[in-house]
Amino acid sequence: MGISKGSAQWEGSLKEGRGNMKPAHGSESPFSVASRFETAPSSNPEELIGAALAGCFSMALTGSLEKAGFKPQHIRTSADVKLEKQGEGFAITEIALTTNAKVDGVDAEKFRAIAEETKKNCPVGKALASITITLTAALA
């Protein structure tokens, strides 16, 4: 296993400044105070955490379904990351995962059971273990 890398830079003051976040093999994502705490059209660290969890979970769920003898045609997962004020700072307090999949031969109950078990074992999910992560899983 290797080491995955990401980087970020920030220029200027907190309120007026701007920055960029970048995975080693991806596109830059600009961000600012306005994109993080207001409605400015740009990215923020929480979106990247959500995307990382959704990607990891979708890949892990594919593996779990295949291991159980099912063949997924597609898995689509989104993550809503909740950032709240806590004391003098902010904290991510909850992530709501929603996954929808088309899988041959599996019923809804078995699919949800496999998805819940996968959520416990997803590497990014494990890294975020201090946060409540909920899952809504449905078949297409």
Protein backbone atom coordinates (compact mmCIF):
# COMPACT_ATOMS: atom_id res chain seq x y z
CA MET A 1 0.00 0.00 0.00
CA GLY A 2 1.20 3.48 -0.77
CA ILE A 3 0.79 6.91 0.69
CA SER A 4 -1.88 9.17 -0.79
CA LYS A 5 -1.06 12.85 -0.87
CA GLY A 6 -2.98 16.07 -0.88
CA SER A 7 -1.97 19.67 -0.42
CA ALA A 8 -3.47 23.06 0.24
CA GLN A 9 -2.39 26.67 0.23
CA TRP A 10 -4.00 29.80 1.64
CA GLU A 11 -3.22 33.41 0.83
CA GLY A 12 -4.40 36.54 2.55
CA SER A 13 -6.41 37.14 5.69
CA LEU A 14 -9.03 34.71 6.94
CA LYS A 15 -12.07 36.74 5.83
CA GLU A 16 -10.75 38.09 2.50
CA GLY A 17 -8.25 35.35 1.66
CA ARG A 18 -8.56 32.43 -0.69
CA GLY A 19 -6.99 29.05 -1.01
CA ASN A 20 -6.74 25.91 -3.11
CA MET A 21 -6.89 22.27 -2.08
CA LYS A 22 -5.53 19.61 -4.41
CA PRO A 23 -5.23 15.87 -4.36
CA ALA A 24 -1.93 14.71 -5.86
CA HIS A 25 -3.66 13.36 -8.99
CA GLY A 26 -6.70 15.58 -9.33
CA SER A 27 -7.98 19.04 -9.95
CA GLU A 28 -7.50 22.02 -7.68
CA SER A 29 -10.51 23.02 -5.61
CA PRO A 30 -10.59 26.69 -4.68
CA PHE A 31 -12.08 27.58 -1.30
CA SER A 32 -12.69 30.57 0.93
CA VAL A 33 -14.51 31.55 4.11
CA ALA A 34 -17.51 32.39 1.94
CA SER A 35 -17.53 28.95 0.28
CA ARG A 36 -17.17 27.22 3.62
CA PHE A 37 -19.57 29.12 5.83
CA GLU A 38 -21.81 30.98 3.40
CA THR A 39 -23.17 30.14 -0.05
CA ALA A 40 -20.31 31.19 -2.34
CA PRO A 41 -19.91 28.84 -5.31
CA SER A 42 -16.66 27.07 -4.58
CA SER A 43 -15.51 24.04 -2.63
CA ASN A 44 -14.61 23.49 1.01
CA PRO A 45 -12.78 20.84 3.03
CA GLU A 46 -16.04 19.21 4.11
CA GLU A 47 -17.03 18.54 0.49
CA LEU A 48 -13.75 16.75 -0.08
CA ILE A 49 -14.24 14.66 3.06
CA GLY A 50 -17.73 13.77 1.83
CA ALA A 51 -16.45 12.85 -1.62
CA ALA A 52 -13.66 10.74 -0.12
CA LEU A 53 -16.10 8.83 2.09
CA ALA A 54 -18.63 8.36 -0.72
CA GLY A 55 -15.91 7.07 -3.05
CA CYS A 56 -14.39 4.74 -0.49
CA PHE A 57 -17.78 3.39 0.55
CA SER A 58 -18.92 2.80 -3.06
CA MET A 59 -15.74 0.89 -3.86
CA ALA A 60 -15.89 -1.13 -0.63
CA LEU A 61 -19.58 -1.93 -1.17
CA THR A 62 -18.80 -3.24 -4.65
CA GLY A 63 -16.21 -5.57 -3.12
CA SER A 64 -18.56 -6.69 -0.35
CA LEU A 65 -21.37 -7.44 -2.79
CA GLU A 66 -19.04 -9.39 -5.09
CA LYS A 67 -17.70 -11.36 -2.12
CA ALA A 68 -21.30 -12.26 -1.23
CA GLY A 69 -21.88 -13.50 -4.80
CA PHE A 70 -23.73 -10.49 -6.26
CA LYS A 71 -22.79 -8.43 -9.28
CA PRO A 72 -23.36 -4.68 -8.94
CA GLN A 73 -24.08 -2.78 -12.16
CA HIS A 74 -23.70 0.61 -10.49
CA ILE A 75 -23.44 2.17 -7.05
CA ARG A 76 -24.06 5.88 -6.53
CA THR A 77 -23.31 7.36 -3.13
CA SER A 78 -23.60 10.90 -1.83
CA ALA A 79 -22.48 12.30 1.51
CA ASP A 80 -23.99 15.25 3.35
CA VAL A 81 -21.37 16.55 5.77
CA LYS A 82 -22.73 18.65 8.64
CA LEU A 83 -20.44 21.39 10.00
CA GLU A 84 -21.62 23.10 13.19
CA LYS A 85 -20.35 25.75 15.55
CA GLN A 86 -19.11 24.23 18.79
CA GLY A 87 -17.76 26.54 21.46
CA GLU A 88 -15.12 28.80 19.95
CA GLY A 89 -14.70 26.72 16.81
CA PHE A 90 -16.44 24.36 14.42
CA ALA A 91 -16.79 20.60 14.15
CA ILE A 92 -18.08 18.06 11.69
CA THR A 93 -20.90 16.49 13.70
CA GLU A 94 -22.54 14.11 11.27
CA ILE A 95 -22.23 12.61 7.81
CA ALA A 96 -25.31 11.19 6.12
CA LEU A 97 -24.45 8.69 3.39
CA THR A 98 -27.09 7.86 0.79
CA THR A 99 -26.40 5.04 -1.62
CA ASN A 100 -28.48 3.77 -4.48
CA ALA A 101 -27.42 0.70 -6.42
CA LYS A 102 -28.46 -1.62 -9.19
CA VAL A 103 -27.37 -5.10 -8.21
CA ASP A 104 -28.36 -8.36 -9.87
CA GLY A 105 -29.91 -11.04 -7.67
CA VAL A 106 -29.96 -9.32 -4.26
CA ASP A 107 -33.09 -8.37 -2.32
CA ALA A 108 -33.44 -5.05 -0.49
CA GLU A 109 -32.99 -6.52 3.00
CA LYS A 110 -29.78 -8.38 2.13
CA PHE A 111 -28.47 -5.31 0.28
CA ARG A 112 -29.04 -3.06 3.30
CA ALA A 113 -27.33 -5.60 5.60
CA ILE A 114 -24.28 -5.78 3.35
CA ALA A 115 -24.20 -1.98 3.05
CA GLU A 116 -24.36 -1.49 6.83
CA GLU A 117 -21.55 -3.98 7.39
CA THR A 118 -19.48 -2.29 4.67
CA LYS A 119 -19.97 1.09 6.36
CA LYS A 120 -18.25 -0.30 9.48
CA ASN A 121 -15.22 -1.49 7.48
CA CYS A 122 -14.65 1.29 4.92
CA PRO A 123 -11.12 2.70 5.55
CA VAL A 124 -12.19 6.35 5.23
CA GLY A 125 -15.20 5.66 7.47
CA LYS A 126 -12.86 4.15 10.06
CA ALA A 127 -10.72 7.30 9.92
CA LEU A 128 -13.86 9.33 10.63
CA ALA A 129 -14.98 7.07 13.50
CA SER A 130 -15.44 9.99 15.92
CA ILE A 131 -18.26 11.31 13.71
CA THR A 132 -21.78 9.88 13.51
CA ILE A 133 -22.16 8.38 10.05
CA THR A 134 -25.67 7.36 9.01
CA LEU A 135 -26.57 5.32 5.94
CA THR A 136 -29.63 5.15 3.75
CA ALA A 137 -29.22 2.30 1.26
CA ALA A 138 -31.68 1.41 -1.48
CA LEU A 139 -31.78 -0.59 -4.67
CA ALA A 140 -32.57 1.15 -7.94
